[in-house]
C-alpha atoms as a PDB file:
ATOM      1  CA  MET A   1     -49.946 -37.873   3.099  1.00  0.00           C
ATOM      2  CA  SER A   2     -47.480 -35.022   3.251  1.00  0.00           C
ATOM      3  CA  VAL A   3     -47.398 -31.898   1.413  1.00  0.00           C
ATOM      4  CA  SER A   4     -43.892 -30.613   0.362  1.00  0.00           C
ATOM      5  CA  LYS A   5     -44.324 -26.886   0.002  1.00  0.00           C
ATOM      6  CA  THR A   6     -41.970 -24.851  -1.754  1.00  0.00           C
ATOM      7  CA  THR A   7     -41.338 -21.668  -0.228  1.00  0.00           C
ATOM      8  CA  SER A   8     -39.007 -19.188  -2.341  1.00  0.00           C
ATOM      9  CA  VAL A   9     -37.064 -16.882  -0.041  1.00  0.00           C
ATOM     10  CA  GLN A  10     -36.895 -13.486  -1.477  1.00  0.00           C
ATOM     11  CA  LYS A  11     -33.598 -10.992  -1.694  1.00  0.00           C
ATOM     12  CA  PRO A  12     -34.623  -8.060   0.322  1.00  0.00           C
ATOM     13  CA  ARG A  13     -35.031  -5.062  -0.882  1.00  0.00           C
ATOM     14  CA  LYS A  14     -32.728  -2.349  -0.966  1.00  0.00           C
ATOM     15  CA  SER A  15     -33.507   1.016   0.327  1.00  0.00           C
ATOM     16  CA  ARG A  16     -33.256   3.809  -2.220  1.00  0.00           C
ATOM     17  CA  LEU A  17     -30.842   5.187   0.915  1.00  0.00           C
ATOM     18  CA  TYR A  18     -28.723   2.181   0.413  1.00  0.00           C
ATOM     19  CA  ARG A  19     -28.343   3.295  -3.717  1.00  0.00           C
ATOM     20  CA  GLN A  20     -27.841   6.137  -3.040  1.00  0.00           C
ATOM     21  CA  GLU A  21     -25.165   5.902  -1.007  1.00  0.00           C
ATOM     22  CA  SER A  22     -23.973   3.280  -4.065  1.00  0.00           C
ATOM     23  CA  ILE A  23     -24.550   5.989  -6.742  1.00  0.00           C
ATOM     24  CA  ALA A  24     -22.449   8.573  -4.498  1.00  0.00           C
ATOM     25  CA  ALA A  25     -19.433   5.801  -3.605  1.00  0.00           C
ATOM     26  CA  PHE A  26     -18.677   5.080  -7.604  1.00  0.00           C
ATOM     27  CA  ILE A  27     -18.956   8.531  -8.065  1.00  0.00           C
ATOM     28  CA  PHE A  28     -16.062   8.722  -5.790  1.00  0.00           C
ATOM     29  CA  ILE A  29     -13.598   6.366  -6.963  1.00  0.00           C
ATOM     30  CA  LEU A  30     -14.606   6.964 -10.658  1.00  0.00           C
ATOM     31  CA  ALA A  31     -12.107   9.383 -11.236  1.00  0.00           C
ATOM     32  CA  PRO A  32      -9.204   7.774  -9.982  1.00  0.00           C
ATOM     33  CA  LEU A  33     -10.613   4.983 -11.545  1.00  0.00           C
ATOM     34  CA  VAL A  34     -10.559   6.643 -14.653  1.00  0.00           C
ATOM     35  CA  GLY A  35      -6.897   7.917 -14.706  1.00  0.00           C
ATOM     36  CA  TYR A  36      -5.482   4.668 -13.687  1.00  0.00           C
ATOM     37  CA  LEU A  37      -7.369   3.129 -17.238  1.00  0.00           C
ATOM     38  CA  ILE A  38      -6.405   7.029 -18.945  1.00  0.00           C
ATOM     39  CA  PHE A  39      -2.774   7.647 -17.513  1.00  0.00           C
ATOM     40  CA  THR A  40      -1.480   4.156 -16.625  1.00  0.00           C
ATOM     41  CA  LEU A  41      -3.315   0.916 -18.029  1.00  0.00           C
ATOM     42  CA  TYR A  42      -3.472   2.489 -21.662  1.00  0.00           C
ATOM     43  CA  PRO A  43      -0.060   4.089 -21.616  1.00  0.00           C
ATOM     44  CA  PHE A  44       1.215   0.341 -20.413  1.00  0.00           C
ATOM     45  CA  PHE A  45      -0.569  -1.481 -23.312  1.00  0.00           C
ATOM     46  CA  PHE A  46       0.544   1.246 -25.848  1.00  0.00           C
ATOM     47  CA  SER A  47       3.941   0.770 -24.917  1.00  0.00           C
ATOM     48  CA  ILE A  48       4.154  -2.400 -25.377  1.00  0.00           C
ATOM     49  CA  TYR A  49       2.371  -2.370 -29.010  1.00  0.00           C
ATOM     50  CA  ALA A  50       4.937   0.642 -29.991  1.00  0.00           C
ATOM     51  CA  SER A  51       7.775  -1.730 -28.793  1.00  0.00           C
ATOM     52  CA  PHE A  52       7.286  -4.033 -32.011  1.00  0.00           C
ATOM     53  CA  THR A  53       7.518  -0.761 -33.923  1.00  0.00           C
ATOM     54  CA  ASN A  54      10.096   2.183 -35.718  1.00  0.00           C
ATOM     55  CA  TRP A  55       8.126   5.062 -34.170  1.00  0.00           C
ATOM     56  CA  ASN A  56       9.546   8.117 -33.870  1.00  0.00           C
ATOM     57  CA  GLY A  57       6.506   9.344 -31.913  1.00  0.00           C
ATOM     58  CA  LEU A  58       4.574  11.801 -34.287  1.00  0.00           C
ATOM     59  CA  GLY A  59       4.782   9.447 -37.790  1.00  0.00           C
ATOM     60  CA  THR A  60       3.869   6.288 -38.790  1.00  0.00           C
ATOM     61  CA  MET A  61       4.271   3.436 -36.650  1.00  0.00           C
ATOM     62  CA  ASN A  62       6.092   1.032 -38.306  1.00  0.00           C
ATOM     63  CA  PHE A  63       5.767  -2.597 -37.477  1.00  0.00           C
ATOM     64  CA  VAL A  64       9.047  -3.863 -37.068  1.00  0.00           C
ATOM     65  CA  GLY A  65       8.390  -7.728 -34.878  1.00  0.00           C
ATOM     66  CA  ILE A  66      11.165  -8.328 -32.354  1.00  0.00           C
ATOM     67  CA  ASP A  67      14.152  -6.024 -34.336  1.00  0.00           C
ATOM     68  CA  ASN A  68      13.661  -4.045 -31.269  1.00  0.00           C
ATOM     69  CA  TYR A  69      14.716  -6.544 -28.791  1.00  0.00           C
ATOM     70  CA  VAL A  70      17.196  -8.604 -31.168  1.00  0.00           C
ATOM     71  CA  LYS A  71      18.998  -4.966 -31.149  1.00  0.00           C
ATOM     72  CA  LEU A  72      18.980  -4.158 -27.373  1.00  0.00           C
ATOM     73  CA  LEU A  73      20.917  -8.039 -26.844  1.00  0.00           C
ATOM     74  CA  SER A  74      23.424  -6.416 -28.649  1.00  0.00           C
ATOM     75  CA  ASP A  75      23.520  -2.803 -27.044  1.00  0.00           C
ATOM     76  CA  ASP A  76      26.697  -1.837 -25.202  1.00  0.00           C
ATOM     77  CA  TYR A  77      25.026   1.405 -23.825  1.00  0.00           C
ATOM     78  CA  PHE A  78      22.044  -0.374 -22.455  1.00  0.00           C
ATOM     79  CA  ARG A  79      24.168  -3.088 -20.936  1.00  0.00           C
ATOM     80  CA  LYS A  80      25.934  -0.585 -19.327  1.00  0.00           C
ATOM     81  CA  ALA A  81      23.446   1.750 -17.951  1.00  0.00           C
ATOM     82  CA  LEU A  82      21.669  -1.702 -16.657  1.00  0.00           C
ATOM     83  CA  PHE A  83      24.825  -2.443 -14.382  1.00  0.00           C
ATOM     84  CA  ASN A  84      25.204   1.547 -14.172  1.00  0.00           C
ATOM     85  CA  THR A  85      21.431   1.159 -12.493  1.00  0.00           C
ATOM     86  CA  PHE A  86      22.132  -1.956 -10.087  1.00  0.00           C
ATOM     87  CA  PHE A  87      25.680  -0.743  -9.091  1.00  0.00           C
ATOM     88  CA  MET A  88      24.632   1.988  -7.817  1.00  0.00           C
ATOM     89  CA  MET A  89      21.356  -0.019  -5.865  1.00  0.00           C
ATOM     90  CA  LEU A  90      24.404  -0.977  -3.893  1.00  0.00           C
ATOM     91  CA  GLY A  91      23.461   2.439  -1.491  1.00  0.00           C
ATOM     92  CA  ILE A  92      20.075   0.318  -0.682  1.00  0.00           C
ATOM     93  CA  PRO A  93      21.745  -1.756   2.175  1.00  0.00           C
ATOM     94  CA  ILE A  94      23.687   1.026   3.632  1.00  0.00           C
ATOM     95  CA  GLY A  95      20.900   3.003   3.517  1.00  0.00           C
ATOM     96  CA  LEU A  96      19.119   1.098   5.794  1.00  0.00           C
ATOM     97  CA  PHE A  97      21.567   0.288   7.875  1.00  0.00           C
ATOM     98  CA  LEU A  98      22.428   3.341   8.643  1.00  0.00           C
ATOM     99  CA  SER A  99      18.946   3.951   9.019  1.00  0.00           C
ATOM    100  CA  LEU A 100      18.680   1.529  11.598  1.00  0.00           C
ATOM    101  CA  ILE A 101      21.296   2.494  13.571  1.00  0.00           C
ATOM    102  CA  LEU A 102      19.737   6.155  13.772  1.00  0.00           C
ATOM    103  CA  ALA A 103      15.743   4.818  14.257  1.00  0.00           C
ATOM    104  CA  MET A 104      17.948   2.831  17.697  1.00  0.00           C
ATOM    105  CA  GLY A 105      19.647   5.605  19.144  1.00  0.00           C
ATOM    106  CA  LEU A 106      16.133   7.775  18.660  1.00  0.00           C
ATOM    107  CA  ASN A 107      14.115   5.489  19.934  1.00  0.00           C
ATOM    108  CA  ARG A 108      16.268   5.841  23.583  1.00  0.00           C
ATOM    109  CA  GLY A 109      14.410   8.854  24.232  1.00  0.00           C
ATOM    110  CA  ILE A 110      17.242  10.994  24.382  1.00  0.00           C
ATOM    111  CA  PRO A 111      16.529  15.099  24.837  1.00  0.00           C
ATOM    112  CA  GLY A 112      16.170  16.572  21.220  1.00  0.00           C
ATOM    113  CA  THR A 113      14.759  13.519  19.246  1.00  0.00           C
ATOM    114  CA  THR A 114      12.417  15.194  17.662  1.00  0.00           C
ATOM    115  CA  THR A 115      14.387  17.714  16.237  1.00  0.00           C
ATOM    116  CA  PHE A 116      16.799  14.997  15.015  1.00  0.00           C
ATOM    117  CA  ARG A 117      13.350  13.880  13.275  1.00  0.00           C
ATOM    118  CA  VAL A 118      12.651  16.959  12.119  1.00  0.00           C
ATOM    119  CA  ILE A 119      16.500  17.402  10.317  1.00  0.00           C
ATOM    120  CA  TYR A 120      16.598  14.151   9.135  1.00  0.00           C
ATOM    121  CA  TYR A 121      13.226  14.136   7.292  1.00  0.00           C
ATOM    122  CA  ILE A 122      13.734  17.287   5.663  1.00  0.00           C
ATOM    123  CA  PRO A 123      15.734  15.959   2.582  1.00  0.00           C
ATOM    124  CA  VAL A 124      12.873  13.610   2.238  1.00  0.00           C
ATOM    125  CA  VAL A 125      10.235  16.453   2.181  1.00  0.00           C
ATOM    126  CA  SER A 126      12.917  18.919  -0.459  1.00  0.00           C
ATOM    127  CA  SER A 127      12.902  19.247  -4.342  1.00  0.00           C
ATOM    128  CA  LEU A 128      14.297  16.371  -6.166  1.00  0.00           C
ATOM    129  CA  ALA A 129      15.706  18.705  -7.819  1.00  0.00           C
ATOM    130  CA  ALA A 130      17.185  21.009  -5.733  1.00  0.00           C
ATOM    131  CA  ILE A 131      18.771  18.577  -3.988  1.00  0.00           C
ATOM    132  CA  SER A 132      20.895  17.456  -6.650  1.00  0.00           C
ATOM    133  CA  VAL A 133      21.650  20.743  -7.452  1.00  0.00           C
ATOM    134  CA  LEU A 134      23.086  21.444  -4.419  1.00  0.00           C
ATOM    135  CA  TRP A 135      24.936  17.993  -4.702  1.00  0.00           C
ATOM    136  CA  GLN A 136      25.702  18.992  -7.743  1.00  0.00           C
ATOM    137  CA  TRP A 137      27.486  22.215  -6.192  1.00  0.00           C
ATOM    138  CA  ALA A 138      28.928  20.297  -3.206  1.00  0.00           C
ATOM    139  CA  TYR A 139      30.867  17.680  -5.340  1.00  0.00           C
ATOM    140  CA  ASN A 140      32.821  20.103  -7.819  1.00  0.00           C
ATOM    141  CA  GLY A 141      36.217  19.466  -7.978  1.00  0.00           C
ATOM    142  CA  ASP A 142      37.557  23.646  -7.405  1.00  0.00           C
ATOM    143  CA  TYR A 143      34.880  25.038  -4.937  1.00  0.00           C
ATOM    144  CA  GLY A 144      32.628  22.326  -3.667  1.00  0.00           C
ATOM    145  CA  LEU A 145      32.512  22.090   0.157  1.00  0.00           C
ATOM    146  CA  VAL A 146      33.535  18.175   0.222  1.00  0.00           C
ATOM    147  CA  ASN A 147      36.817  18.774  -1.411  1.00  0.00           C
ATOM    148  CA  GLN A 148      36.900  22.022   0.474  1.00  0.00           C
ATOM    149  CA  PHE A 149      36.499  19.918   3.735  1.00  0.00           C
ATOM    150  CA  LEU A 150      39.014  16.967   2.147  1.00  0.00           C
ATOM    151  CA  SER A 151      41.625  20.050   2.160  1.00  0.00           C
ATOM    152  CA  LEU A 152      40.983  20.832   6.227  1.00  0.00           C
ATOM    153  CA  ILE A 153      43.060  17.305   6.431  1.00  0.00           C
ATOM    154  CA  GLY A 154      45.159  17.363   3.998  1.00  0.00           C
ATOM    155  CA  ILE A 155      42.756  15.017   1.167  1.00  0.00           C
ATOM    156  CA  ASP A 156      42.820  16.760  -2.142  1.00  0.00           C
ATOM    157  CA  GLY A 157      39.699  15.615  -3.477  1.00  0.00           C
ATOM    158  CA  PRO A 158      39.242  14.861  -6.992  1.00  0.00           C
ATOM    159  CA  ASN A 159      36.145  15.939  -9.504  1.00  0.00           C
ATOM    160  CA  TRP A 160      33.734  13.611  -8.121  1.00  0.00           C
ATOM    161  CA  LEU A 161      31.091  13.611 -11.210  1.00  0.00           C
ATOM    162  CA  GLN A 162      33.660  13.890 -13.568  1.00  0.00           C
ATOM    163  CA  ASN A 163      35.681  10.884 -12.955  1.00  0.00           C
ATOM    164  CA  THR A 164      35.175   7.208 -13.498  1.00  0.00           C
ATOM    165  CA  ALA A 165      35.546   6.158 -10.627  1.00  0.00           C
ATOM    166  CA  THR A 166      33.948   8.680  -8.112  1.00  0.00           C
ATOM    167  CA  VAL A 167      30.714   9.109  -9.783  1.00  0.00           C
ATOM    168  CA  LYS A 168      28.962   5.985  -9.337  1.00  0.00           C
ATOM    169  CA  PRO A 169      29.839   6.308  -5.109  1.00  0.00           C
ATOM    170  CA  ALA A 170      29.299   9.733  -5.144  1.00  0.00           C
ATOM    171  CA  LEU A 171      26.198   9.412  -6.443  1.00  0.00           C
ATOM    172  CA  ILE A 172      25.401   6.660  -3.945  1.00  0.00           C
ATOM    173  CA  ILE A 173      26.409   8.896  -1.298  1.00  0.00           C
ATOM    174  CA  MET A 174      23.521  11.358  -1.879  1.00  0.00           C
ATOM    175  CA  THR A 175      20.252   8.712  -2.625  1.00  0.00           C
ATOM    176  CA  VAL A 176      21.518   7.559   1.075  1.00  0.00           C
ATOM    177  CA  TRP A 177      21.561  10.807   2.485  1.00  0.00           C
ATOM    178  CA  LYS A 178      17.947  11.755   0.988  1.00  0.00           C
ATOM    179  CA  GLY A 179      16.671   8.429   1.609  1.00  0.00           C
ATOM    180  CA  LEU A 180      17.436   8.088   5.082  1.00  0.00           C
ATOM    181  CA  GLY A 181      15.061   9.683   6.921  1.00  0.00           C
ATOM    182  CA  TYR A 182      12.539   8.348   5.334  1.00  0.00           C
ATOM    183  CA  SER A 183      13.559   4.777   6.089  1.00  0.00           C
ATOM    184  CA  MET A 184      14.467   6.028   9.952  1.00  0.00           C
ATOM    185  CA  LEU A 185      11.057   7.187  11.039  1.00  0.00           C
ATOM    186  CA  LEU A 186       9.764   3.559   9.440  1.00  0.00           C
ATOM    187  CA  TYR A 187      11.804   2.100  11.818  1.00  0.00           C
ATOM    188  CA  LEU A 188      11.128   4.118  14.161  1.00  0.00           C
ATOM    189  CA  ALA A 189       7.964   3.056  14.647  1.00  0.00           C
ATOM    190  CA  ALA A 190       8.166  -0.070  14.465  1.00  0.00           C
ATOM    191  CA  LEU A 191      11.073  -0.052  17.252  1.00  0.00           C
ATOM    192  CA  GLN A 192       8.381   1.711  19.298  1.00  0.00           C
ATOM    193  CA  SER A 193       5.463  -0.750  18.672  1.00  0.00           C
ATOM    194  CA  VAL A 194       7.839  -3.352  19.850  1.00  0.00           C
ATOM    195  CA  PRO A 195       6.215  -4.585  23.367  1.00  0.00           C
ATOM    196  CA  LYS A 196       8.813  -4.292  25.958  1.00  0.00           C
ATOM    197  CA  MET A 197       7.882  -7.336  28.455  1.00  0.00           C
ATOM    198  CA  TYR A 198      10.111  -9.153  25.111  1.00  0.00           C
ATOM    199  CA  TYR A 199      12.761  -7.270  26.311  1.00  0.00           C
ATOM    200  CA  GLU A 200      12.249  -7.833  30.045  1.00  0.00           C
ATOM    201  CA  ALA A 201      11.907 -11.499  29.771  1.00  0.00           C
ATOM    202  CA  ALA A 202      14.778 -11.865  28.127  1.00  0.00           C
ATOM    203  CA  ASP A 203      16.730  -9.181  30.610  1.00  0.00           C
ATOM    204  CA  LEU A 204      15.466 -12.496  32.628  1.00  0.00           C
ATOM    205  CA  ASP A 205      16.850 -14.723  30.842  1.00  0.00           C
ATOM    206  CA  GLY A 206      20.993 -13.287  30.787  1.00  0.00           C
ATOM    207  CA  ALA A 207      20.833 -11.812  27.145  1.00  0.00           C
ATOM    208  CA  ASN A 208      22.464  -9.985  26.235  1.00  0.00           C
ATOM    209  CA  SER A 209      22.178  -6.575  23.975  1.00  0.00           C
ATOM    210  CA  PHE A 210      23.265  -8.177  20.440  1.00  0.00           C
ATOM    211  CA  GLN A 211      21.462 -11.311  21.501  1.00  0.00           C
ATOM    212  CA  GLN A 212      18.139  -9.153  22.107  1.00  0.00           C
ATOM    213  CA  PHE A 213      18.986  -8.159  18.850  1.00  0.00           C
ATOM    214  CA  LEU A 214      19.071 -10.841  17.361  1.00  0.00           C
ATOM    215  CA  HIS A 215      16.287 -12.742  18.366  1.00  0.00           C
ATOM    216  CA  ILE A 216      14.066  -9.945  19.635  1.00  0.00           C
ATOM    217  CA  THR A 217      14.072  -6.576  17.213  1.00  0.00           C
ATOM    218  CA  TRP A 218      15.906  -7.510  14.107  1.00  0.00           C
ATOM    219  CA  PRO A 219      12.920 -10.501  13.062  1.00  0.00           C
ATOM    220  CA  MET A 220       9.874  -7.118  15.065  1.00  0.00           C
ATOM    221  CA  VAL A 221      11.613  -4.808  12.245  1.00  0.00           C
ATOM    222  CA  LYS A 222      11.973  -7.354   9.227  1.00  0.00           C
ATOM    223  CA  PRO A 223       8.147  -6.664   7.649  1.00  0.00           C
ATOM    224  CA  VAL A 224       9.797  -2.922   7.569  1.00  0.00           C
ATOM    225  CA  THR A 225      13.084  -3.834   6.567  1.00  0.00           C
ATOM    226  CA  PHE A 226      10.925  -6.217   3.293  1.00  0.00           C
ATOM    227  CA  PHE A 227       8.495  -3.242   2.347  1.00  0.00           C
ATOM    228  CA  LEU A 228      11.911  -0.995   2.194  1.00  0.00           C
ATOM    229  CA  VAL A 229      14.090  -2.881   0.465  1.00  0.00           C
ATOM    230  CA  ILE A 230      11.077  -4.055  -2.524  1.00  0.00           C
ATOM    231  CA  THR A 231      10.378   0.349  -2.850  1.00  0.00           C
ATOM    232  CA  ASN A 232      14.183   1.195  -2.772  1.00  0.00           C
ATOM    233  CA  ILE A 233      14.934  -1.040  -5.615  1.00  0.00           C
ATOM    234  CA  ILE A 234      11.912   0.251  -7.924  1.00  0.00           C
ATOM    235  CA  GLY A 235      12.848   3.316  -7.278  1.00  0.00           C
ATOM    236  CA  GLY A 236      16.480   2.495  -7.677  1.00  0.00           C
ATOM    237  CA  ALA A 237      15.741   1.110 -10.900  1.00  0.00           C
ATOM    238  CA  GLN A 238      13.434   4.283 -12.143  1.00  0.00           C
ATOM    239  CA  MET A 239      16.631   6.445 -11.271  1.00  0.00           C
ATOM    240  CA  PHE A 240      16.528   9.728 -13.199  1.00  0.00           C
ATOM    241  CA  THR A 241      16.254  12.819 -11.809  1.00  0.00           C
ATOM    242  CA  GLU A 242      19.697  12.931 -10.038  1.00  0.00           C
ATOM    243  CA  ILE A 243      21.722  11.902 -13.506  1.00  0.00           C
ATOM    244  CA  ASN A 244      19.497  14.522 -15.586  1.00  0.00           C
ATOM    245  CA  ILE A 245      20.904  17.280 -13.159  1.00  0.00           C
ATOM    246  CA  MET A 246      24.369  16.285 -12.247  1.00  0.00           C
ATOM    247  CA  THR A 247      25.604  14.075 -14.743  1.00  0.00           C
ATOM    248  CA  PRO A 248      23.449  15.710 -18.049  1.00  0.00           C
ATOM    249  CA  THR A 249      25.390  13.446 -20.701  1.00  0.00           C
ATOM    250  CA  GLY A 250      25.053   9.813 -18.594  1.00  0.00           C
ATOM    251  CA  GLY A 251      28.581  11.171 -16.585  1.00  0.00           C
ATOM    252  CA  PRO A 252      32.239  10.298 -18.014  1.00  0.00           C
ATOM    253  CA  GLU A 253      32.144   6.973 -20.532  1.00  0.00           C
ATOM    254  CA  TYR A 254      28.491   7.112 -19.448  1.00  0.00           C
ATOM    255  CA  SER A 255      29.771   6.021 -15.825  1.00  0.00           C
ATOM    256  CA  ALA A 256      26.232   7.564 -14.249  1.00  0.00           C
ATOM    257  CA  ALA A 257      23.768   6.513 -16.631  1.00  0.00           C
ATOM    258  CA  THR A 258      21.220   4.568 -15.466  1.00  0.00           C
ATOM    259  CA  VAL A 259      18.470   2.637 -17.731  1.00  0.00           C
ATOM    260  CA  VAL A 260      15.717   4.785 -17.223  1.00  0.00           C
ATOM    261  CA  PHE A 261      18.122   8.131 -18.454  1.00  0.00           C
ATOM    262  CA  TYR A 262      19.490   5.724 -21.195  1.00  0.00           C
ATOM    263  CA  ILE A 263      15.336   5.382 -21.678  1.00  0.00           C
ATOM    264  CA  TRP A 264      15.094   9.354 -21.661  1.00  0.00           C
ATOM    265  CA  LYS A 265      17.916  10.001 -24.059  1.00  0.00           C
ATOM    266  CA  LYS A 266      16.602   7.391 -26.910  1.00  0.00           C
ATOM    267  CA  ALA A 267      13.369   8.822 -26.832  1.00  0.00           C
ATOM    268  CA  PHE A 268      13.061  12.542 -26.428  1.00  0.00           C
ATOM    269  CA  ASP A 269      16.677  13.266 -28.284  1.00  0.00           C
ATOM    270  CA  ASN A 270      17.210  10.208 -30.202  1.00  0.00           C
ATOM    271  CA  LEU A 271      13.306   9.745 -30.638  1.00  0.00           C
ATOM    272  CA  GLN A 272      13.418   6.822 -31.259  1.00  0.00           C
ATOM    273  CA  MET A 273      10.191   6.195 -29.415  1.00  0.00           C
ATOM    274  CA  GLY A 274       9.522   2.821 -30.606  1.00  0.00           C
ATOM    275  CA  TYR A 275      13.161   1.693 -29.765  1.00  0.00           C
ATOM    276  CA  ALA A 276      12.418   3.205 -25.910  1.00  0.00           C
ATOM    277  CA  SER A 277       9.036   1.413 -25.361  1.00  0.00           C
ATOM    278  CA  THR A 278      11.405  -1.923 -26.006  1.00  0.00           C
ATOM    279  CA  LEU A 279      13.822  -0.492 -23.274  1.00  0.00           C
ATOM    280  CA  SER A 280      10.694  -0.066 -20.890  1.00  0.00           C
ATOM    281  CA  VAL A 281       8.889  -3.746 -21.537  1.00  0.00           C
ATOM    282  CA  VAL A 282      12.620  -4.989 -20.550  1.00  0.00           C
ATOM    283  CA  LEU A 283      12.870  -2.776 -17.403  1.00  0.00           C
ATOM    284  CA  GLY A 284       9.528  -3.920 -16.100  1.00  0.00           C
ATOM    285  CA  ILE A 285      10.216  -7.128 -16.556  1.00  0.00           C
ATOM    286  CA  ILE A 286      13.045  -7.177 -14.717  1.00  0.00           C
ATOM    287  CA  ILE A 287      11.651  -4.997 -11.658  1.00  0.00           C
ATOM    288  CA  PHE A 288       8.757  -7.577 -11.940  1.00  0.00           C
ATOM    289  CA  ILE A 289      11.196 -10.687 -11.598  1.00  0.00           C
ATOM    290  CA  VAL A 290      13.497  -8.587  -9.008  1.00  0.00           C
ATOM    291  CA  THR A 291      10.422  -8.066  -6.905  1.00  0.00           C
ATOM    292  CA  LEU A 292       8.440 -11.757  -7.033  1.00  0.00           C
ATOM    293  CA  ILE A 293      12.303 -13.111  -5.659  1.00  0.00           C
ATOM    294  CA  GLN A 294      11.851 -10.846  -2.955  1.00  0.00           C
ATOM    295  CA  PHE A 295       8.419 -11.703  -2.185  1.00  0.00           C
ATOM    296  CA  LYS A 296       9.204 -15.661  -2.216  1.00  0.00           C
ATOM    297  CA  LEU A 297      12.638 -14.679  -0.159  1.00  0.00           C
ATOM    298  CA  ASN A 298      10.426 -12.921   2.500  1.00  0.00           C
ATOM    299  CA  ASP A 299       8.090 -15.204   3.208  1.00  0.00           C
ATOM    300  CA  ARG A 300       6.087 -14.643   6.470  1.00  0.00           C
ATOM    301  CA  SER A 301       7.393 -17.537   8.751  1.00  0.00           C
ATOM    302  CA  SER A 302      10.543 -15.224   8.471  1.00  0.00           C
ATOM    303  CA  PHE A 303       8.860 -12.216  10.247  1.00  0.00           C
ATOM    304  CA  GLU A 304       8.433 -14.794  13.950  1.00  0.00           C
ATOM    305  CA  ILE A 305       9.823 -13.946  16.762  1.00  0.00           C
ATOM    306  CA  ASP A 306      12.726 -16.869  17.395  1.00  0.00           C
END
């Protein structure tokens, strides 16, 4: 005759020190959590609701359904601002290419590498507003440094920021220059983490410099490239300060206005907060879709060395 005994396993009692540490940890994360709820999550849901209203920011919010979204479909200024935003993102591949070239040069251990790093990184930590004013002066058609330099080689430069053909390229050059140092340092860190034995083995196999770059360097820096592409697209879609300072009217024929600049104009100049919220929601959806596509195109297998 067998007697079965059931024993209940009691959970170990948490010590007083453990509970105190848990409370302390909760207090530390409470401030950023409350800040996130108040300044991020609540405005996010509020803007979605506001996008379905006719509201000037102060008075009563009148619910209008999807009228704002229907209006957006026929908004020529929004389409132009959206085109300008994506056009100026052409600076992303240009900036990444130049950053990688600079990083590869600095990775060779040439004299003065530290000095070059500092020089290239100064624009990154500088005030964007101050840099925008600086470049606005440089692009001036009468006394700007850019046209003064071009005059030395016999070229009569245009009024860069007041010409529909040159305002977007001018802004692209400025944004590439501004972000060059940040991308360069990330690429340099990635290059310095590549094991040298890969290149030594490639030398023994007779691989030339281009083959080493294609099959070793490029796959090893792909994760950094993926990160920079995502962050630059998100940042480029939110481009505002440069436009507001360098072309406060949106440029000639609205040729420099971005989506965020147009949202700001609608919200604070025209007091159309409801419609501005609609534009913000649509911009957020576009950024999400583009980011999702990037994640789908760059799976982990694409980061492996051939």
